[in-house]
Amino acid sequence: MSNYSTLISYLIKGLLLTPLCLCLACAQHLTRLDPPKTHPPRMTFAILRDYNTTCNAMVRAVADLLGHIIQLSQERTGAIVVEPVTVEIEGNCDCGRIGGVPLAGPAKRQTTIKVRPKAPQKTLVEISCKYTISYTWNDIYGKAVRTRTITCTSNGRFEQKLHRGLTRYLGISTTDAK
């Protein structure tokens, strides 16, 4: 009789554990992070103006952007760092997907600009935006179990906006700034 009881006990445990295992398998898929599929845009522009004029125009273009403050500007090295700002993911970047659903909400944008002389009347301007979000995974009871900083991929719109502001201050068309 004890073999029969043991067999029944295993069957009951198996019947109870099978749905739980299936639920966990589905939950794992729903919480998996799929990183962005887009590649970061190359945002290096050749400006047909001298280095000092281009550097000053870039500082003015950044200063014109509402809510953006220059954190560091070194004319000697050509480095311009803009204070991080919070922007919406939609329209600015791709942060990937969780369970097939695109991440949405606020992201932190850090902007770095490098201005380098290339020739007496040619300057290279490289605009780089790094977007990050903090995402928290919760267990089935809603308790936070893991938080991770996710790096997003820029869609290039903000960089293009800065480029347009620069060319406007320089008084050149976008065909002169390649």
C-alpha atoms as a PDB file:
ATOM      1  CA  MET A   1       0.000   0.000   0.000  1.00  0.00           C
ATOM      2  CA  SER A   2       2.895   2.373   0.653  1.00  0.00           C
ATOM      3  CA  ASN A   3       3.998   2.205  -3.044  1.00  0.00           C
ATOM      4  CA  TYR A   4       0.491   3.187  -4.100  1.00  0.00           C
ATOM      5  CA  SER A   5       0.485   6.161  -1.639  1.00  0.00           C
ATOM      6  CA  THR A   6       3.894   7.274  -2.869  1.00  0.00           C
ATOM      7  CA  LEU A   7       2.740   7.123  -6.495  1.00  0.00           C
ATOM      8  CA  ILE A   8      -0.391   9.163  -5.718  1.00  0.00           C
ATOM      9  CA  SER A   9       1.728  11.684  -3.808  1.00  0.00           C
ATOM     10  CA  TYR A  10       4.064  12.139  -6.828  1.00  0.00           C
ATOM     11  CA  LEU A  11       1.110  12.527  -9.188  1.00  0.00           C
ATOM     12  CA  ILE A  12      -0.485  15.199  -7.008  1.00  0.00           C
ATOM     13  CA  LYS A  13       2.813  17.095  -6.716  1.00  0.00           C
ATOM     14  CA  GLY A  14       3.319  16.840 -10.469  1.00  0.00           C
ATOM     15  CA  LEU A  15      -0.165  18.132 -11.173  1.00  0.00           C
ATOM     16  CA  LEU A  16       0.375  21.056  -8.819  1.00  0.00           C
ATOM     17  CA  LEU A  17       3.865  21.940 -10.049  1.00  0.00           C
ATOM     18  CA  THR A  18       3.151  21.713 -13.795  1.00  0.00           C
ATOM     19  CA  PRO A  19       0.959  24.851 -13.977  1.00  0.00           C
ATOM     20  CA  LEU A  20       3.419  26.722 -11.781  1.00  0.00           C
ATOM     21  CA  CYS A  21       6.332  25.818 -14.068  1.00  0.00           C
ATOM     22  CA  LEU A  22       4.334  26.847 -17.140  1.00  0.00           C
ATOM     23  CA  CYS A  23       3.464  30.199 -15.525  1.00  0.00           C
ATOM     24  CA  LEU A  24       7.102  30.846 -14.658  1.00  0.00           C
ATOM     25  CA  ALA A  25       8.188  29.995 -18.197  1.00  0.00           C
ATOM     26  CA  CYS A  26       5.687  32.494 -19.610  1.00  0.00           C
ATOM     27  CA  ALA A  27       6.615  35.156 -17.033  1.00  0.00           C
ATOM     28  CA  GLN A  28      10.296  34.854 -17.946  1.00  0.00           C
ATOM     29  CA  HIS A  29       9.463  35.653 -21.585  1.00  0.00           C
ATOM     30  CA  LEU A  30       7.301  38.625 -20.613  1.00  0.00           C
ATOM     31  CA  THR A  31      10.073  40.213 -18.549  1.00  0.00           C
ATOM     32  CA  ARG A  32      12.994  39.622 -20.912  1.00  0.00           C
ATOM     33  CA  LEU A  33      14.723  42.768 -22.161  1.00  0.00           C
ATOM     34  CA  ASP A  34      15.256  42.938 -25.913  1.00  0.00           C
ATOM     35  CA  PRO A  35      17.832  45.691 -26.565  1.00  0.00           C
ATOM     36  CA  PRO A  36      17.305  48.343 -29.260  1.00  0.00           C
ATOM     37  CA  LYS A  37      17.705  47.024 -32.787  1.00  0.00           C
ATOM     38  CA  THR A  38      18.761  50.374 -34.229  1.00  0.00           C
ATOM     39  CA  HIS A  39      22.384  51.471 -34.417  1.00  0.00           C
ATOM     40  CA  PRO A  40      23.477  54.811 -32.981  1.00  0.00           C
ATOM     41  CA  PRO A  41      23.618  57.499 -35.672  1.00  0.00           C
ATOM     42  CA  ARG A  42      26.986  58.966 -36.678  1.00  0.00           C
ATOM     43  CA  MET A  43      26.626  62.645 -35.993  1.00  0.00           C
ATOM     44  CA  THR A  44      29.862  64.192 -37.245  1.00  0.00           C
ATOM     45  CA  PHE A  45      29.492  67.275 -39.395  1.00  0.00           C
ATOM     46  CA  ALA A  46      32.091  69.128 -41.466  1.00  0.00           C
ATOM     47  CA  ILE A  47      31.506  72.861 -41.093  1.00  0.00           C
ATOM     48  CA  LEU A  48      33.130  75.217 -43.601  1.00  0.00           C
ATOM     49  CA  ARG A  49      34.108  77.862 -41.031  1.00  0.00           C
ATOM     50  CA  ASP A  50      37.130  78.408 -38.811  1.00  0.00           C
ATOM     51  CA  TYR A  51      37.394  76.679 -35.445  1.00  0.00           C
ATOM     52  CA  ASN A  52      36.779  79.700 -33.139  1.00  0.00           C
ATOM     53  CA  THR A  53      33.719  80.883 -35.056  1.00  0.00           C
ATOM     54  CA  THR A  54      32.242  77.370 -35.093  1.00  0.00           C
ATOM     55  CA  CYS A  55      32.937  76.814 -31.389  1.00  0.00           C
ATOM     56  CA  ASN A  56      31.269  80.118 -30.407  1.00  0.00           C
ATOM     57  CA  ALA A  57      28.269  79.427 -32.646  1.00  0.00           C
ATOM     58  CA  MET A  58      27.827  75.968 -31.087  1.00  0.00           C
ATOM     59  CA  VAL A  59      27.814  77.444 -27.568  1.00  0.00           C
ATOM     60  CA  ARG A  60      25.152  79.937 -28.666  1.00  0.00           C
ATOM     61  CA  ALA A  61      23.083  77.192 -30.353  1.00  0.00           C
ATOM     62  CA  VAL A  62      23.070  75.130 -27.134  1.00  0.00           C
ATOM     63  CA  ALA A  63      22.257  78.178 -25.015  1.00  0.00           C
ATOM     64  CA  ASP A  64      19.205  78.808 -27.218  1.00  0.00           C
ATOM     65  CA  LEU A  65      17.684  75.410 -26.392  1.00  0.00           C
ATOM     66  CA  LEU A  66      15.007  75.692 -23.722  1.00  0.00           C
ATOM     67  CA  GLY A  67      15.994  73.856 -20.530  1.00  0.00           C
ATOM     68  CA  HIS A  68      19.566  73.064 -21.636  1.00  0.00           C
ATOM     69  CA  ILE A  69      22.487  74.425 -19.649  1.00  0.00           C
ATOM     70  CA  ILE A  70      26.138  74.108 -20.608  1.00  0.00           C
ATOM     71  CA  GLN A  71      27.908  72.256 -17.826  1.00  0.00           C
ATOM     72  CA  LEU A  72      31.405  72.530 -19.337  1.00  0.00           C
ATOM     73  CA  SER A  73      32.803  74.462 -22.282  1.00  0.00           C
ATOM     74  CA  GLN A  74      36.501  74.363 -23.064  1.00  0.00           C
ATOM     75  CA  GLU A  75      37.389  76.315 -26.173  1.00  0.00           C
ATOM     76  CA  ARG A  76      40.993  75.084 -25.977  1.00  0.00           C
ATOM     77  CA  THR A  77      39.979  71.412 -26.299  1.00  0.00           C
ATOM     78  CA  GLY A  78      36.694  71.941 -28.127  1.00  0.00           C
ATOM     79  CA  ALA A  79      34.668  70.018 -25.545  1.00  0.00           C
ATOM     80  CA  ILE A  80      31.137  71.109 -24.702  1.00  0.00           C
ATOM     81  CA  VAL A  81      29.132  69.125 -22.154  1.00  0.00           C
ATOM     82  CA  VAL A  82      25.448  69.856 -21.619  1.00  0.00           C
ATOM     83  CA  GLU A  83      23.838  69.172 -18.239  1.00  0.00           C
ATOM     84  CA  PRO A  84      21.745  65.995 -18.318  1.00  0.00           C
ATOM     85  CA  VAL A  85      18.044  66.534 -18.952  1.00  0.00           C
ATOM     86  CA  THR A  86      15.022  64.273 -18.692  1.00  0.00           C
ATOM     87  CA  VAL A  87      13.102  63.722 -21.938  1.00  0.00           C
ATOM     88  CA  GLU A  88      10.443  61.316 -23.145  1.00  0.00           C
ATOM     89  CA  ILE A  89      11.690  58.126 -24.810  1.00  0.00           C
ATOM     90  CA  GLU A  90       9.161  58.459 -27.606  1.00  0.00           C
ATOM     91  CA  GLY A  91      10.538  60.808 -30.247  1.00  0.00           C
ATOM     92  CA  ASN A  92      14.083  60.800 -28.862  1.00  0.00           C
ATOM     93  CA  CYS A  93      15.440  57.287 -28.573  1.00  0.00           C
ATOM     94  CA  ASP A  94      14.865  53.529 -28.643  1.00  0.00           C
ATOM     95  CA  CYS A  95      15.305  51.752 -25.299  1.00  0.00           C
ATOM     96  CA  GLY A  96      14.335  48.283 -26.464  1.00  0.00           C
ATOM     97  CA  ARG A  97      11.393  46.134 -25.479  1.00  0.00           C
ATOM     98  CA  ILE A  98      10.238  44.173 -22.453  1.00  0.00           C
ATOM     99  CA  GLY A  99       8.074  41.220 -23.454  1.00  0.00           C
ATOM    100  CA  GLY A 100       7.662  42.657 -26.936  1.00  0.00           C
ATOM    101  CA  VAL A 101       6.365  46.017 -25.663  1.00  0.00           C
ATOM    102  CA  PRO A 102       8.541  49.100 -26.334  1.00  0.00           C
ATOM    103  CA  LEU A 103       9.768  50.857 -23.218  1.00  0.00           C
ATOM    104  CA  ALA A 104       8.198  54.279 -22.705  1.00  0.00           C
ATOM    105  CA  GLY A 105       8.424  57.106 -20.216  1.00  0.00           C
ATOM    106  CA  PRO A 106      11.242  59.431 -19.185  1.00  0.00           C
ATOM    107  CA  ALA A 107      14.893  58.933 -20.103  1.00  0.00           C
ATOM    108  CA  LYS A 108      17.997  60.869 -19.090  1.00  0.00           C
ATOM    109  CA  ARG A 109      19.900  62.473 -21.989  1.00  0.00           C
ATOM    110  CA  GLN A 110      23.585  63.356 -21.666  1.00  0.00           C
ATOM    111  CA  THR A 111      24.971  65.404 -24.553  1.00  0.00           C
ATOM    112  CA  THR A 112      28.640  65.822 -25.415  1.00  0.00           C
ATOM    113  CA  ILE A 113      29.896  67.925 -28.305  1.00  0.00           C
ATOM    114  CA  LYS A 114      33.437  67.847 -29.684  1.00  0.00           C
ATOM    115  CA  VAL A 115      34.626  70.610 -31.965  1.00  0.00           C
ATOM    116  CA  ARG A 116      37.936  70.001 -33.776  1.00  0.00           C
ATOM    117  CA  PRO A 117      39.784  72.092 -36.363  1.00  0.00           C
ATOM    118  CA  LYS A 118      40.428  70.199 -39.600  1.00  0.00           C
ATOM    119  CA  ALA A 119      41.783  73.004 -41.847  1.00  0.00           C
ATOM    120  CA  PRO A 120      41.897  76.824 -41.659  1.00  0.00           C
ATOM    121  CA  GLN A 121      38.266  77.055 -42.877  1.00  0.00           C
ATOM    122  CA  LYS A 122      36.998  73.588 -41.963  1.00  0.00           C
ATOM    123  CA  THR A 123      35.889  72.341 -38.542  1.00  0.00           C
ATOM    124  CA  LEU A 124      34.534  68.940 -37.514  1.00  0.00           C
ATOM    125  CA  VAL A 125      31.660  68.903 -35.037  1.00  0.00           C
ATOM    126  CA  GLU A 126      30.705  65.623 -33.370  1.00  0.00           C
ATOM    127  CA  ILE A 127      27.462  65.552 -31.395  1.00  0.00           C
ATOM    128  CA  SER A 128      26.878  62.566 -29.134  1.00  0.00           C
ATOM    129  CA  CYS A 129      23.772  61.882 -27.043  1.00  0.00           C
ATOM    130  CA  LYS A 130      23.591  59.072 -24.523  1.00  0.00           C
ATOM    131  CA  TYR A 131      20.147  58.102 -23.253  1.00  0.00           C
ATOM    132  CA  THR A 132      19.589  55.922 -20.174  1.00  0.00           C
ATOM    133  CA  ILE A 133      16.614  54.748 -18.156  1.00  0.00           C
ATOM    134  CA  SER A 134      16.276  52.891 -14.900  1.00  0.00           C
ATOM    135  CA  TYR A 135      13.978  49.869 -15.133  1.00  0.00           C
ATOM    136  CA  THR A 136      12.754  47.807 -12.177  1.00  0.00           C
ATOM    137  CA  TRP A 137      11.504  44.239 -12.490  1.00  0.00           C
ATOM    138  CA  ASN A 138       8.869  43.221  -9.936  1.00  0.00           C
ATOM    139  CA  ASP A 139       7.911  39.787  -8.671  1.00  0.00           C
ATOM    140  CA  ILE A 140       4.359  38.468  -8.840  1.00  0.00           C
ATOM    141  CA  TYR A 141       3.519  40.347  -5.621  1.00  0.00           C
ATOM    142  CA  GLY A 142       4.696  43.713  -6.991  1.00  0.00           C
ATOM    143  CA  LYS A 143       7.870  43.771  -4.895  1.00  0.00           C
ATOM    144  CA  ALA A 144      10.957  45.135  -6.674  1.00  0.00           C
ATOM    145  CA  VAL A 145      13.451  42.338  -7.260  1.00  0.00           C
ATOM    146  CA  ARG A 146      15.957  43.913  -9.643  1.00  0.00           C
ATOM    147  CA  THR A 147      16.729  47.372 -11.016  1.00  0.00           C
ATOM    148  CA  ARG A 148      18.957  47.954 -13.999  1.00  0.00           C
ATOM    149  CA  THR A 149      20.147  50.985 -15.950  1.00  0.00           C
ATOM    150  CA  ILE A 150      19.350  50.465 -19.621  1.00  0.00           C
ATOM    151  CA  THR A 151      21.265  52.288 -22.353  1.00  0.00           C
ATOM    152  CA  CYS A 152      19.099  53.494 -25.204  1.00  0.00           C
ATOM    153  CA  THR A 153      19.923  54.363 -28.818  1.00  0.00           C
ATOM    154  CA  SER A 154      19.391  57.902 -30.041  1.00  0.00           C
ATOM    155  CA  ASN A 155      17.223  58.426 -33.112  1.00  0.00           C
ATOM    156  CA  GLY A 156      19.357  61.457 -34.109  1.00  0.00           C
ATOM    157  CA  ARG A 157      16.609  64.088 -33.946  1.00  0.00           C
ATOM    158  CA  PHE A 158      18.142  66.121 -31.127  1.00  0.00           C
ATOM    159  CA  GLU A 159      21.573  66.006 -32.758  1.00  0.00           C
ATOM    160  CA  GLN A 160      20.043  67.257 -36.024  1.00  0.00           C
ATOM    161  CA  LYS A 161      18.299  70.048 -34.115  1.00  0.00           C
ATOM    162  CA  LEU A 162      21.624  71.156 -32.646  1.00  0.00           C
ATOM    163  CA  HIS A 163      23.222  70.995 -36.106  1.00  0.00           C
ATOM    164  CA  ARG A 164      20.460  73.181 -37.571  1.00  0.00           C
ATOM    165  CA  GLY A 165      20.943  75.712 -34.740  1.00  0.00           C
ATOM    166  CA  LEU A 166      24.680  75.786 -35.396  1.00  0.00           C
ATOM    167  CA  THR A 167      24.271  76.370 -39.132  1.00  0.00           C
ATOM    168  CA  ARG A 168      21.686  79.080 -38.439  1.00  0.00           C
ATOM    169  CA  TYR A 169      24.153  80.965 -36.198  1.00  0.00           C
ATOM    170  CA  LEU A 170      26.887  80.569 -38.779  1.00  0.00           C
ATOM    171  CA  GLY A 171      24.572  81.815 -41.525  1.00  0.00           C
ATOM    172  CA  ILE A 172      25.283  78.843 -43.770  1.00  0.00           C
ATOM    173  CA  SER A 173      22.995  76.417 -45.528  1.00  0.00           C
ATOM    174  CA  THR A 174      22.970  72.753 -44.599  1.00  0.00           C
ATOM    175  CA  THR A 175      24.645  71.959 -47.943  1.00  0.00           C
ATOM    176  CA  ASP A 176      27.707  73.918 -46.736  1.00  0.00           C
ATOM    177  CA  ALA A 177      27.740  71.835 -43.541  1.00  0.00           C
ATOM    178  CA  LYS A 178      28.026  68.206 -44.516  1.00  0.00           C
END
